[in-house]
């Protein structure tokens, strides 16, 4: 097996062994292989293995890399995990199946309008700035409920919330809080956890874990 496939399998086994088998009522999270900046020849072993969920953070890069591969592999789901500019929404809706970073009304409105034009429904996550960090996008937790209603009125398919917690802090507390917010909103999906904190995220009901370097190795 290719090294990327070995890494993916090892991560899945670790989650299964240390979290799923020991905790009731937690479903196995989907792993999003964050393939941003990596060339397609590095990604194809995972595609050929049958892995379905991949993450990109640049719209143009995704179009160039994934258009042909997605045409040939209809089941592949592409996740946008970066900061989405409104002027890129048209192309984003075309190539992506999920958008993890809906963080303002203008963006939500644009996605809703583009969905109608393209007759395509995107699954979206509301980004929460769970650590209230100035440099990060996302809603403060007290404003999430109001924005969720705004999105529902636009007929957006909001399936969950997403966060990037502060680094080197106690991840557990932030993940616990995210899980609570999700439950209050009655949402089923939770996008949290990356290469350094995915085990804690899995313990707190994350359903989509975004892993890059732990699968593909360090980026240049």
N, C-alpha and C. Protein backbone atom coordinates (compact mmCIF):
# COMPACT_ATOMS: atom_id res chain seq x y z
N UNK A 1 0.84 -1.21 0.00
CA UNK A 1 0.00 0.00 0.00
C UNK A 1 0.87 1.25 0.00
N UNK A 2 0.36 2.30 -0.60
CA UNK A 2 1.06 3.59 -0.64
C UNK A 2 1.11 4.19 0.76
N UNK A 3 2.14 5.00 1.03
CA UNK A 3 2.32 5.56 2.38
C UNK A 3 1.12 6.40 2.83
N UNK A 4 0.49 7.14 1.89
CA UNK A 4 -0.68 7.95 2.28
C UNK A 4 -1.84 7.07 2.71
N UNK A 5 -2.01 5.95 2.03
CA UNK A 5 -3.09 5.00 2.38
C UNK A 5 -2.79 4.38 3.74
N UNK A 6 -1.53 3.99 3.95
CA UNK A 6 -1.14 3.43 5.27
C UNK A 6 -1.44 4.41 6.39
N UNK A 7 -1.12 5.69 6.15
CA UNK A 7 -1.37 6.73 7.17
C UNK A 7 -2.85 6.87 7.47
N UNK A 8 -3.65 6.92 6.42
CA UNK A 8 -5.11 7.03 6.58
C UNK A 8 -5.67 5.85 7.37
N UNK A 9 -5.27 4.66 7.00
CA UNK A 9 -5.74 3.44 7.67
C UNK A 9 -5.34 3.45 9.14
N UNK A 10 -4.12 3.88 9.43
CA UNK A 10 -3.63 3.93 10.81
C UNK A 10 -4.45 4.91 11.66
N UNK A 11 -4.80 6.05 11.08
CA UNK A 11 -5.61 7.05 11.79
C UNK A 11 -7.00 6.49 12.09
N UNK A 12 -7.59 5.86 11.09
CA UNK A 12 -8.94 5.27 11.29
C UNK A 12 -8.91 4.20 12.37
N UNK A 13 -7.88 3.36 12.34
CA UNK A 13 -7.77 2.28 13.34
C UNK A 13 -7.57 2.85 14.75
N UNK A 14 -6.77 3.91 14.84
CA UNK A 14 -6.52 4.54 16.14
C UNK A 14 -7.81 5.10 16.73
N UNK A 15 -8.59 5.78 15.89
CA UNK A 15 -9.87 6.35 16.35
C UNK A 15 -10.83 5.23 16.78
N UNK A 16 -10.87 4.19 15.97
CA UNK A 16 -11.76 3.05 16.26
C UNK A 16 -11.40 2.40 17.60
N UNK A 17 -10.10 2.19 17.77
CA UNK A 17 -9.61 1.47 18.95
C UNK A 17 -9.73 2.29 20.23
N UNK A 18 -9.33 3.58 20.15
CA UNK A 18 -9.22 4.38 21.37
C UNK A 18 -10.46 5.20 21.70
N UNK A 19 -11.34 5.39 20.70
CA UNK A 19 -12.52 6.23 20.95
C UNK A 19 -13.82 5.47 20.73
N UNK A 20 -14.03 5.02 19.52
CA UNK A 20 -15.33 4.43 19.15
C UNK A 20 -15.65 3.19 19.98
N UNK A 21 -14.65 2.32 20.13
CA UNK A 21 -14.89 1.05 20.85
C UNK A 21 -15.11 1.27 22.35
N UNK A 22 -14.68 2.45 22.85
CA UNK A 22 -14.77 2.69 24.31
C UNK A 22 -15.91 3.63 24.70
N UNK A 23 -16.56 4.22 23.71
CA UNK A 23 -17.57 5.23 24.02
C UNK A 23 -18.90 4.89 23.35
N UNK A 24 -19.96 4.94 24.12
CA UNK A 24 -21.28 4.66 23.55
C UNK A 24 -21.79 5.87 22.77
N UNK A 25 -22.62 5.59 21.80
CA UNK A 25 -23.34 6.64 21.03
C UNK A 25 -22.45 7.62 20.27
N UNK A 26 -21.22 7.22 19.97
CA UNK A 26 -20.38 8.08 19.12
C UNK A 26 -20.22 7.38 17.77
N UNK A 27 -20.55 8.13 16.71
CA UNK A 27 -20.39 7.48 15.40
C UNK A 27 -18.99 7.76 14.86
N UNK A 28 -18.52 6.85 14.03
CA UNK A 28 -17.18 6.99 13.46
C UNK A 28 -17.11 8.22 12.57
N UNK A 29 -16.18 9.13 12.84
CA UNK A 29 -16.10 10.34 12.02
C UNK A 29 -15.55 10.07 10.62
N UNK A 30 -15.97 10.90 9.66
CA UNK A 30 -15.38 10.86 8.32
C UNK A 30 -14.05 11.60 8.37
N UNK A 31 -13.07 11.06 7.69
CA UNK A 31 -11.78 11.75 7.58
C UNK A 31 -11.74 12.53 6.27
N UNK A 32 -11.55 13.84 6.38
CA UNK A 32 -11.31 14.66 5.18
C UNK A 32 -9.80 14.72 4.99
N UNK A 33 -9.33 14.13 3.89
CA UNK A 33 -7.90 14.21 3.58
C UNK A 33 -7.63 15.58 2.97
N UNK A 34 -6.94 16.43 3.74
CA UNK A 34 -6.73 17.82 3.30
C UNK A 34 -5.58 17.85 2.30
N UNK A 35 -5.97 17.91 1.03
CA UNK A 35 -5.01 17.73 -0.07
C UNK A 35 -4.51 19.05 -0.65
N UNK A 36 -4.86 20.16 0.00
CA UNK A 36 -4.42 21.48 -0.51
C UNK A 36 -2.90 21.52 -0.68
N UNK A 37 -2.48 22.14 -1.74
CA UNK A 37 -1.07 22.32 -2.15
C UNK A 37 -0.39 21.04 -2.68
N UNK A 38 -0.99 19.88 -2.45
CA UNK A 38 -0.38 18.65 -2.97
C UNK A 38 -0.85 18.37 -4.39
N UNK A 39 0.07 17.86 -5.21
CA UNK A 39 -0.27 17.56 -6.60
C UNK A 39 -1.10 16.28 -6.69
N UNK A 40 -1.83 16.14 -7.78
CA UNK A 40 -2.75 15.03 -7.91
C UNK A 40 -2.06 13.67 -7.85
N UNK A 41 -0.81 13.57 -8.33
CA UNK A 41 -0.15 12.25 -8.28
C UNK A 41 0.08 11.80 -6.84
N UNK A 42 0.13 12.77 -5.92
CA UNK A 42 0.29 12.45 -4.50
C UNK A 42 -1.05 12.03 -3.87
N UNK A 43 -2.13 12.48 -4.49
CA UNK A 43 -3.48 12.26 -3.95
C UNK A 43 -4.13 10.99 -4.52
N UNK A 44 -3.78 10.66 -5.77
CA UNK A 44 -4.43 9.55 -6.48
C UNK A 44 -4.40 8.20 -5.76
N UNK A 45 -3.31 7.85 -5.03
CA UNK A 45 -3.36 6.57 -4.30
C UNK A 45 -4.57 6.47 -3.36
N UNK A 46 -4.93 7.60 -2.73
CA UNK A 46 -6.11 7.60 -1.85
C UNK A 46 -7.40 7.47 -2.65
N UNK A 47 -7.45 8.16 -3.79
CA UNK A 47 -8.63 8.07 -4.67
C UNK A 47 -8.80 6.62 -5.13
N UNK A 48 -7.70 6.01 -5.56
CA UNK A 48 -7.74 4.63 -6.05
C UNK A 48 -8.08 3.64 -4.94
N UNK A 49 -7.69 3.97 -3.73
CA UNK A 49 -8.02 3.13 -2.57
C UNK A 49 -9.52 3.18 -2.26
N UNK A 50 -10.18 4.26 -2.73
CA UNK A 50 -11.62 4.38 -2.51
C UNK A 50 -11.99 5.43 -1.47
N UNK A 51 -11.01 6.23 -1.04
CA UNK A 51 -11.33 7.30 -0.09
C UNK A 51 -12.16 8.37 -0.80
N UNK A 52 -13.15 8.93 -0.09
CA UNK A 52 -14.12 9.79 -0.77
C UNK A 52 -14.05 11.27 -0.39
N UNK A 53 -13.56 11.60 0.79
CA UNK A 53 -13.64 12.99 1.28
C UNK A 53 -12.28 13.68 1.22
N UNK A 54 -12.22 14.79 0.47
CA UNK A 54 -10.97 15.54 0.31
C UNK A 54 -11.22 17.02 0.57
N UNK A 55 -10.21 17.71 1.10
CA UNK A 55 -10.36 19.13 1.46
C UNK A 55 -9.39 20.02 0.72
N UNK A 56 -9.89 21.14 0.22
CA UNK A 56 -9.07 22.15 -0.45
C UNK A 56 -9.43 23.51 0.12
N UNK A 57 -8.48 24.48 0.02
CA UNK A 57 -8.78 25.81 0.56
C UNK A 57 -8.63 26.92 -0.48
N UNK A 58 -8.39 26.54 -1.74
CA UNK A 58 -8.33 27.54 -2.82
C UNK A 58 -9.20 27.06 -3.97
N UNK A 59 -10.10 27.91 -4.39
CA UNK A 59 -11.09 27.54 -5.39
C UNK A 59 -10.43 27.21 -6.73
N UNK A 60 -9.52 28.07 -7.16
CA UNK A 60 -8.88 27.88 -8.47
C UNK A 60 -8.07 26.59 -8.51
N UNK A 61 -7.33 26.35 -7.43
CA UNK A 61 -6.53 25.12 -7.34
C UNK A 61 -7.43 23.88 -7.41
N UNK A 62 -8.56 23.96 -6.73
CA UNK A 62 -9.50 22.83 -6.71
C UNK A 62 -10.06 22.54 -8.10
N UNK A 63 -10.44 23.58 -8.82
CA UNK A 63 -10.97 23.41 -10.19
C UNK A 63 -9.94 22.72 -11.08
N UNK A 64 -8.71 23.22 -11.01
CA UNK A 64 -7.65 22.67 -11.87
C UNK A 64 -7.31 21.22 -11.52
N UNK A 65 -7.30 20.92 -10.22
CA UNK A 65 -6.90 19.58 -9.79
C UNK A 65 -8.03 18.55 -9.90
N UNK A 66 -9.25 18.96 -9.57
CA UNK A 66 -10.29 17.98 -9.29
C UNK A 66 -11.35 17.80 -10.38
N UNK A 67 -11.47 18.72 -11.33
CA UNK A 67 -12.57 18.64 -12.30
C UNK A 67 -12.61 17.29 -13.00
N UNK A 68 -11.47 16.89 -13.57
CA UNK A 68 -11.42 15.62 -14.32
C UNK A 68 -11.59 14.42 -13.39
N UNK A 69 -10.90 14.46 -12.24
CA UNK A 69 -10.95 13.33 -11.29
C UNK A 69 -12.37 13.13 -10.77
N UNK A 70 -13.06 14.24 -10.49
CA UNK A 70 -14.44 14.13 -10.00
C UNK A 70 -15.39 13.61 -11.09
N UNK A 71 -15.15 14.01 -12.32
CA UNK A 71 -15.96 13.48 -13.42
C UNK A 71 -15.83 11.96 -13.53
N UNK A 72 -14.64 11.47 -13.24
CA UNK A 72 -14.38 10.03 -13.35
C UNK A 72 -14.75 9.27 -12.06
N UNK A 73 -14.90 9.99 -10.97
CA UNK A 73 -15.23 9.37 -9.66
C UNK A 73 -16.40 10.13 -9.04
N UNK A 74 -17.60 9.76 -9.45
CA UNK A 74 -18.80 10.52 -9.07
C UNK A 74 -19.05 10.57 -7.55
N UNK A 75 -18.50 9.61 -6.82
CA UNK A 75 -18.78 9.55 -5.37
C UNK A 75 -17.88 10.45 -4.53
N UNK A 76 -16.83 10.98 -5.14
CA UNK A 76 -15.90 11.84 -4.38
C UNK A 76 -16.62 13.10 -3.90
N UNK A 77 -16.38 13.45 -2.65
CA UNK A 77 -16.95 14.67 -2.06
C UNK A 77 -15.82 15.63 -1.75
N UNK A 78 -15.94 16.84 -2.28
CA UNK A 78 -14.90 17.84 -2.10
C UNK A 78 -15.36 18.90 -1.09
N UNK A 79 -14.52 19.16 -0.12
CA UNK A 79 -14.85 20.07 0.98
C UNK A 79 -14.02 21.34 0.88
N UNK A 80 -14.69 22.50 0.89
CA UNK A 80 -13.96 23.76 0.94
C UNK A 80 -13.73 24.12 2.40
N UNK A 81 -12.44 24.28 2.78
CA UNK A 81 -12.15 24.47 4.21
C UNK A 81 -11.39 25.77 4.49
N UNK A 82 -11.28 26.64 3.47
CA UNK A 82 -10.57 27.91 3.68
C UNK A 82 -11.53 29.07 3.84
N UNK A 83 -10.97 30.26 3.74
CA UNK A 83 -11.77 31.49 3.79
C UNK A 83 -12.31 31.73 2.38
N UNK A 84 -13.62 31.73 2.23
CA UNK A 84 -14.23 31.85 0.90
C UNK A 84 -14.62 33.30 0.61
N UNK A 85 -14.03 33.85 -0.45
CA UNK A 85 -14.39 35.21 -0.89
C UNK A 85 -15.67 35.13 -1.71
N UNK A 86 -16.50 36.15 -1.59
CA UNK A 86 -17.79 36.12 -2.30
C UNK A 86 -17.62 36.07 -3.82
N UNK A 87 -16.53 36.66 -4.34
CA UNK A 87 -16.34 36.65 -5.79
C UNK A 87 -15.91 35.28 -6.33
N UNK A 88 -15.66 34.33 -5.40
CA UNK A 88 -15.28 32.96 -5.82
C UNK A 88 -16.42 31.96 -5.62
N UNK A 89 -17.55 32.45 -5.15
CA UNK A 89 -18.65 31.54 -4.79
C UNK A 89 -19.18 30.77 -6.01
N UNK A 90 -19.28 31.45 -7.13
CA UNK A 90 -19.82 30.82 -8.34
C UNK A 90 -19.03 29.54 -8.69
N UNK A 91 -17.70 29.66 -8.70
CA UNK A 91 -16.87 28.49 -9.04
C UNK A 91 -16.89 27.47 -7.89
N UNK A 92 -16.93 27.98 -6.66
CA UNK A 92 -16.93 27.08 -5.49
C UNK A 92 -18.15 26.17 -5.50
N UNK A 93 -19.30 26.75 -5.79
CA UNK A 93 -20.55 25.95 -5.82
C UNK A 93 -20.47 24.90 -6.92
N UNK A 94 -19.78 25.24 -7.99
CA UNK A 94 -19.65 24.32 -9.12
C UNK A 94 -18.85 23.07 -8.75
N UNK A 95 -17.72 23.25 -8.05
CA UNK A 95 -16.79 22.12 -7.83
C UNK A 95 -16.95 21.46 -6.46
N UNK A 96 -17.37 22.23 -5.43
CA UNK A 96 -17.42 21.68 -4.07
C UNK A 96 -18.78 21.09 -3.71
N UNK A 97 -18.75 20.15 -2.76
CA UNK A 97 -19.98 19.54 -2.25
C UNK A 97 -20.31 20.05 -0.84
N UNK A 98 -19.28 20.47 -0.13
CA UNK A 98 -19.43 20.99 1.23
C UNK A 98 -18.63 22.29 1.35
N UNK A 99 -19.17 23.25 2.10
CA UNK A 99 -18.42 24.46 2.45
C UNK A 99 -18.41 24.55 3.98
N UNK A 100 -17.20 24.55 4.55
CA UNK A 100 -17.06 24.47 6.01
C UNK A 100 -16.94 25.83 6.67
N UNK A 101 -16.87 26.90 5.88
CA UNK A 101 -16.45 28.17 6.47
C UNK A 101 -17.43 29.32 6.18
N UNK A 102 -18.72 29.06 6.34
CA UNK A 102 -19.70 30.13 6.13
C UNK A 102 -19.70 31.00 7.39
N UNK A 103 -19.25 32.26 7.21
CA UNK A 103 -18.98 33.08 8.40
C UNK A 103 -19.55 34.50 8.31
N UNK A 104 -20.42 34.77 7.30
CA UNK A 104 -21.06 36.09 7.26
C UNK A 104 -22.30 36.05 6.36
N UNK A 105 -23.17 37.04 6.54
CA UNK A 105 -24.46 37.05 5.84
C UNK A 105 -24.30 37.24 4.33
N UNK A 106 -23.34 38.07 3.95
CA UNK A 106 -23.11 38.33 2.53
C UNK A 106 -22.73 37.02 1.80
N UNK A 107 -21.85 36.26 2.42
CA UNK A 107 -21.41 34.99 1.83
C UNK A 107 -22.58 33.99 1.76
N UNK A 108 -23.34 33.90 2.84
CA UNK A 108 -24.48 32.98 2.86
C UNK A 108 -25.49 33.33 1.76
N UNK A 109 -25.75 34.62 1.59
CA UNK A 109 -26.70 35.09 0.58
C UNK A 109 -26.22 34.75 -0.83
N UNK A 110 -24.93 34.93 -1.04
CA UNK A 110 -24.32 34.65 -2.35
C UNK A 110 -24.39 33.15 -2.68
N UNK A 111 -24.09 32.30 -1.69
CA UNK A 111 -24.16 30.85 -1.89
C UNK A 111 -25.59 30.44 -2.23
N UNK A 112 -26.55 31.00 -1.49
CA UNK A 112 -27.96 30.66 -1.72
C UNK A 112 -28.38 31.02 -3.15
N UNK A 113 -27.98 32.20 -3.61
CA UNK A 113 -28.34 32.66 -4.95
C UNK A 113 -27.69 31.77 -6.02
N UNK A 114 -26.43 31.42 -5.78
CA UNK A 114 -25.69 30.62 -6.76
C UNK A 114 -26.24 29.20 -6.85
N UNK A 115 -26.70 28.67 -5.73
CA UNK A 115 -27.31 27.34 -5.72
C UNK A 115 -28.52 27.27 -6.64
N UNK A 116 -29.31 28.34 -6.59
CA UNK A 116 -30.52 28.39 -7.42
C UNK A 116 -30.12 28.43 -8.90
N UNK A 117 -29.14 29.27 -9.21
CA UNK A 117 -28.67 29.39 -10.60
C UNK A 117 -28.13 28.07 -11.14
N UNK A 118 -27.38 27.37 -10.31
CA UNK A 118 -26.74 26.13 -10.78
C UNK A 118 -27.57 24.88 -10.50
N UNK A 119 -28.70 25.07 -9.82
CA UNK A 119 -29.57 23.95 -9.46
C UNK A 119 -28.76 22.85 -8.74
N UNK A 120 -28.02 23.29 -7.74
CA UNK A 120 -27.17 22.36 -6.98
C UNK A 120 -27.21 22.74 -5.51
N UNK A 121 -27.42 21.76 -4.66
CA UNK A 121 -27.51 22.03 -3.21
C UNK A 121 -26.18 21.68 -2.54
N UNK A 122 -25.60 22.67 -1.88
CA UNK A 122 -24.33 22.48 -1.16
C UNK A 122 -24.62 22.26 0.32
N UNK A 123 -23.85 21.39 0.94
CA UNK A 123 -23.98 21.23 2.40
C UNK A 123 -23.02 22.22 3.07
N UNK A 124 -23.54 22.97 4.03
CA UNK A 124 -22.70 24.01 4.64
C UNK A 124 -22.58 23.87 6.16
N UNK A 125 -21.45 24.36 6.64
CA UNK A 125 -21.20 24.46 8.08
C UNK A 125 -21.07 25.94 8.44
N UNK A 126 -21.57 26.30 9.60
CA UNK A 126 -21.37 27.66 10.12
C UNK A 126 -20.07 27.65 10.92
N UNK A 127 -19.17 28.57 10.57
CA UNK A 127 -17.90 28.64 11.29
C UNK A 127 -18.06 29.44 12.56
N UNK A 128 -17.60 28.84 13.66
CA UNK A 128 -17.67 29.50 14.97
C UNK A 128 -16.25 29.83 15.44
N UNK A 129 -16.08 31.07 15.87
CA UNK A 129 -14.79 31.49 16.44
C UNK A 129 -14.82 31.13 17.93
N UNK A 130 -14.58 29.86 18.20
CA UNK A 130 -14.82 29.32 19.54
C UNK A 130 -13.87 29.87 20.59
N UNK A 131 -12.68 30.37 20.15
CA UNK A 131 -11.73 30.94 21.11
C UNK A 131 -11.77 32.46 21.14
N UNK A 132 -12.76 33.06 20.42
CA UNK A 132 -12.87 34.53 20.32
C UNK A 132 -11.52 35.18 19.97
N UNK A 133 -10.87 34.64 18.95
CA UNK A 133 -9.56 35.17 18.55
C UNK A 133 -9.74 36.22 17.44
N UNK A 134 -9.06 37.34 17.62
CA UNK A 134 -9.20 38.45 16.67
C UNK A 134 -8.80 38.07 15.25
N UNK A 135 -7.79 37.22 15.11
CA UNK A 135 -7.26 36.93 13.77
C UNK A 135 -8.06 35.84 13.04
N UNK A 136 -9.06 35.25 13.72
CA UNK A 136 -9.81 34.16 13.09
C UNK A 136 -11.21 34.58 12.70
N UNK A 137 -11.68 33.97 11.60
CA UNK A 137 -13.06 34.22 11.15
C UNK A 137 -14.03 33.40 11.99
N UNK A 138 -15.30 33.68 11.80
CA UNK A 138 -16.33 32.89 12.47
C UNK A 138 -17.16 33.72 13.42
N UNK A 139 -18.30 33.17 13.78
CA UNK A 139 -19.23 33.87 14.67
C UNK A 139 -18.89 33.63 16.12
N UNK A 140 -19.18 34.63 16.94
CA UNK A 140 -19.13 34.41 18.38
C UNK A 140 -20.29 33.46 18.71
N UNK A 141 -20.08 32.66 19.74
CA UNK A 141 -21.09 31.62 20.01
C UNK A 141 -22.47 32.20 20.31
N UNK A 142 -22.51 33.40 20.90
CA UNK A 142 -23.82 33.98 21.22
C UNK A 142 -24.59 34.46 19.98
N UNK A 143 -23.90 34.56 18.84
CA UNK A 143 -24.57 35.02 17.61
C UNK A 143 -24.90 33.89 16.63
N UNK A 144 -24.54 32.68 16.99
CA UNK A 144 -24.68 31.56 16.05
C UNK A 144 -26.14 31.23 15.77
N UNK A 145 -26.95 31.22 16.81
CA UNK A 145 -28.36 30.84 16.66
C UNK A 145 -29.10 31.77 15.69
N UNK A 146 -28.82 33.05 15.82
CA UNK A 146 -29.45 34.06 14.94
C UNK A 146 -29.01 33.86 13.47
N UNK A 147 -27.72 33.59 13.27
CA UNK A 147 -27.21 33.38 11.92
C UNK A 147 -27.76 32.08 11.33
N UNK A 148 -27.91 31.08 12.18
CA UNK A 148 -28.49 29.81 11.71
C UNK A 148 -29.89 30.04 11.14
N UNK A 149 -30.69 30.83 11.84
CA UNK A 149 -32.06 31.15 11.35
C UNK A 149 -31.98 31.90 10.02
N UNK A 150 -31.03 32.84 9.92
CA UNK A 150 -30.82 33.60 8.69
C UNK A 150 -30.54 32.64 7.52
N UNK A 151 -29.67 31.67 7.75
CA UNK A 151 -29.32 30.69 6.71
C UNK A 151 -30.50 29.81 6.33
N UNK A 152 -31.27 29.41 7.33
CA UNK A 152 -32.44 28.55 7.05
C UNK A 152 -33.46 29.31 6.21
N UNK A 153 -33.60 30.61 6.47
CA UNK A 153 -34.53 31.44 5.68
C UNK A 153 -34.07 31.56 4.23
N UNK A 154 -32.76 31.41 4.00
CA UNK A 154 -32.22 31.43 2.64
C UNK A 154 -32.32 30.06 1.97
N UNK A 155 -32.84 29.09 2.73
CA UNK A 155 -32.94 27.71 2.24
C UNK A 155 -31.57 27.05 2.05
N UNK A 156 -30.60 27.47 2.86
CA UNK A 156 -29.29 26.81 2.84
C UNK A 156 -29.37 25.51 3.63
N UNK A 157 -28.66 24.51 3.16
CA UNK A 157 -28.64 23.22 3.84
C UNK A 157 -27.53 23.22 4.89
N UNK A 158 -27.83 23.83 6.05
CA UNK A 158 -26.85 23.89 7.14
C UNK A 158 -26.87 22.54 7.86
N UNK A 159 -25.75 21.82 7.78
CA UNK A 159 -25.73 20.49 8.40
C UNK A 159 -24.98 20.48 9.73
N UNK A 160 -24.20 21.55 10.00
CA UNK A 160 -23.45 21.55 11.25
C UNK A 160 -22.64 22.82 11.46
N UNK A 161 -21.75 22.76 12.45
CA UNK A 161 -20.87 23.88 12.76
C UNK A 161 -19.41 23.43 12.64
N UNK A 162 -18.53 24.40 12.51
CA UNK A 162 -17.10 24.12 12.33
C UNK A 162 -16.28 25.06 13.19
N UNK A 163 -15.12 24.58 13.66
CA UNK A 163 -14.23 25.48 14.39
C UNK A 163 -12.77 25.12 14.18
N UNK A 164 -11.91 26.09 14.41
CA UNK A 164 -10.46 25.87 14.53
C UNK A 164 -10.09 26.44 15.90
N UNK A 165 -9.89 25.59 16.90
CA UNK A 165 -9.64 26.11 18.25
C UNK A 165 -8.26 26.75 18.37
N UNK A 166 -8.05 27.57 19.40
CA UNK A 166 -6.72 28.16 19.62
C UNK A 166 -5.66 27.07 19.77
N UNK A 167 -4.50 27.34 19.23
CA UNK A 167 -3.40 26.36 19.32
C UNK A 167 -2.82 26.30 20.74
N UNK A 168 -2.28 25.13 21.07
CA UNK A 168 -1.62 24.91 22.37
C UNK A 168 -2.50 25.27 23.57
N UNK A 169 -3.80 25.18 23.38
CA UNK A 169 -4.69 25.42 24.51
C UNK A 169 -5.41 24.10 24.82
N UNK A 170 -6.24 24.11 25.82
CA UNK A 170 -6.97 22.91 26.17
C UNK A 170 -8.09 22.67 25.16
N UNK A 171 -7.81 21.82 24.17
CA UNK A 171 -8.78 21.55 23.11
C UNK A 171 -10.10 21.02 23.66
N UNK A 172 -9.99 20.21 24.72
CA UNK A 172 -11.19 19.55 25.26
C UNK A 172 -12.32 20.53 25.53
N UNK A 173 -11.98 21.65 26.20
CA UNK A 173 -13.01 22.62 26.58
C UNK A 173 -13.71 23.21 25.36
N UNK A 174 -12.93 23.51 24.32
CA UNK A 174 -13.52 24.09 23.10
C UNK A 174 -14.39 23.07 22.38
N UNK A 175 -13.92 21.83 22.31
CA UNK A 175 -14.69 20.79 21.63
C UNK A 175 -15.99 20.48 22.38
N UNK A 176 -15.89 20.52 23.70
CA UNK A 176 -17.07 20.30 24.55
C UNK A 176 -18.13 21.37 24.27
N UNK A 177 -17.65 22.60 24.16
CA UNK A 177 -18.52 23.74 23.91
C UNK A 177 -19.18 23.65 22.52
N UNK A 178 -18.38 23.27 21.52
CA UNK A 178 -18.90 23.10 20.16
C UNK A 178 -20.00 22.04 20.11
N UNK A 179 -19.74 20.95 20.80
CA UNK A 179 -20.71 19.85 20.84
C UNK A 179 -22.03 20.33 21.45
N UNK A 180 -21.91 21.16 22.48
CA UNK A 180 -23.09 21.71 23.17
C UNK A 180 -23.89 22.62 22.22
N UNK A 181 -23.18 23.50 21.52
CA UNK A 181 -23.84 24.43 20.58
C UNK A 181 -24.57 23.64 19.50
N UNK A 182 -23.89 22.63 18.96
CA UNK A 182 -24.48 21.80 17.91
C UNK A 182 -25.77 21.13 18.37
N UNK A 183 -25.72 20.61 19.59
CA UNK A 183 -26.90 19.95 20.17
C UNK A 183 -28.05 20.93 20.35
N UNK A 184 -27.72 22.13 20.82
CA UNK A 184 -28.77 23.16 21.02
C UNK A 184 -29.44 23.54 19.70
N UNK A 185 -28.64 23.56 18.62
CA UNK A 185 -29.18 23.91 17.30
C UNK A 185 -29.81 22.69 16.61
N UNK A 186 -29.67 21.54 17.26
CA UNK A 186 -30.22 20.29 16.71
C UNK A 186 -29.56 19.92 15.37
N UNK A 187 -28.25 20.17 15.28
CA UNK A 187 -27.50 19.83 14.07
C UNK A 187 -26.75 18.52 14.27
N UNK A 188 -26.60 17.77 13.19
CA UNK A 188 -26.03 16.42 13.34
C UNK A 188 -24.53 16.35 13.02
N UNK A 189 -24.00 17.32 12.25
CA UNK A 189 -22.60 17.22 11.82
C UNK A 189 -21.73 18.26 12.54
N UNK A 190 -20.50 17.86 12.79
CA UNK A 190 -19.57 18.72 13.52
C UNK A 190 -18.20 18.60 12.88
N UNK A 191 -17.69 19.72 12.36
CA UNK A 191 -16.40 19.71 11.66
C UNK A 191 -15.33 20.30 12.57
N UNK A 192 -14.58 19.42 13.21
CA UNK A 192 -13.51 19.89 14.09
C UNK A 192 -12.48 18.77 14.29
N UNK A 193 -11.26 19.21 14.55
CA UNK A 193 -10.17 18.26 14.71
C UNK A 193 -9.28 18.26 13.49
N UNK A 194 -7.96 18.41 13.73
CA UNK A 194 -6.97 18.38 12.66
C UNK A 194 -5.84 17.44 13.08
N UNK A 195 -4.72 17.49 12.37
CA UNK A 195 -3.65 16.51 12.62
C UNK A 195 -3.21 16.46 14.09
N UNK A 196 -3.21 17.61 14.77
CA UNK A 196 -2.67 17.61 16.15
C UNK A 196 -3.72 17.33 17.23
N UNK A 197 -5.01 17.39 16.88
CA UNK A 197 -6.01 17.27 17.96
C UNK A 197 -7.21 16.39 17.58
N UNK A 198 -7.02 15.52 16.57
CA UNK A 198 -8.18 14.77 16.07
C UNK A 198 -8.73 13.74 17.06
N UNK A 199 -7.86 13.22 17.95
CA UNK A 199 -8.35 12.23 18.92
C UNK A 199 -9.32 12.88 19.91
N UNK A 200 -8.96 14.08 20.39
CA UNK A 200 -9.85 14.81 21.30
C UNK A 200 -11.16 15.17 20.58
N UNK A 201 -11.04 15.57 19.31
CA UNK A 201 -12.24 15.93 18.54
C UNK A 201 -13.17 14.73 18.39
N UNK A 202 -12.59 13.58 18.11
CA UNK A 202 -13.40 12.35 17.95
C UNK A 202 -14.14 12.01 19.24
N UNK A 203 -13.49 12.27 20.37
CA UNK A 203 -14.11 12.00 21.67
C UNK A 203 -15.32 12.90 21.93
N UNK A 204 -15.35 14.04 21.25
CA UNK A 204 -16.43 15.00 21.47
C UNK A 204 -17.38 15.10 20.27
N UNK A 205 -17.60 13.95 19.65
CA UNK A 205 -18.63 13.82 18.60
C UNK A 205 -18.33 14.53 17.29
N UNK A 206 -17.06 14.83 17.00
CA UNK A 206 -16.76 15.37 15.68
C UNK A 206 -17.16 14.33 14.63
N UNK A 207 -17.83 14.77 13.58
CA UNK A 207 -18.23 13.83 12.53
C UNK A 207 -17.40 14.01 11.26
N UNK A 208 -16.69 15.14 11.16
CA UNK A 208 -15.75 15.36 10.05
C UNK A 208 -14.44 15.89 10.62
N UNK A 209 -13.37 15.13 10.43
CA UNK A 209 -12.06 15.51 10.92
C UNK A 209 -11.18 15.86 9.73
N UNK A 210 -10.50 17.00 9.79
CA UNK A 210 -9.75 17.52 8.64
C UNK A 210 -8.25 17.26 8.84
N UNK A 211 -7.71 16.26 8.16
CA UNK A 211 -6.32 15.87 8.39
C UNK A 211 -5.49 16.00 7.12
N UNK A 212 -4.40 16.79 7.24
CA UNK A 212 -3.51 17.01 6.10
C UNK A 212 -2.16 16.35 6.28
N UNK A 213 -1.30 16.99 7.09
CA UNK A 213 0.10 16.54 7.21
C UNK A 213 0.23 15.12 7.74
N UNK A 214 -0.70 14.72 8.58
CA UNK A 214 -0.62 13.36 9.17
C UNK A 214 -0.88 12.28 8.10
N UNK A 215 -1.50 12.67 6.99
CA UNK A 215 -1.73 11.74 5.88
C UNK A 215 -0.69 11.96 4.78
N UNK A 216 -0.51 13.21 4.37
CA UNK A 216 0.30 13.51 3.19
C UNK A 216 1.75 13.86 3.51
N UNK A 217 2.06 14.08 4.78
CA UNK A 217 3.39 14.54 5.14
C UNK A 217 3.42 16.06 5.16
N UNK A 218 4.57 16.62 5.52
CA UNK A 218 4.69 18.08 5.64
C UNK A 218 4.63 18.75 4.27
N UNK A 219 3.99 19.91 4.26
CA UNK A 219 3.95 20.69 3.00
C UNK A 219 5.27 21.43 2.81
N UNK A 220 5.61 21.70 1.56
CA UNK A 220 6.84 22.46 1.26
C UNK A 220 6.72 23.88 1.78
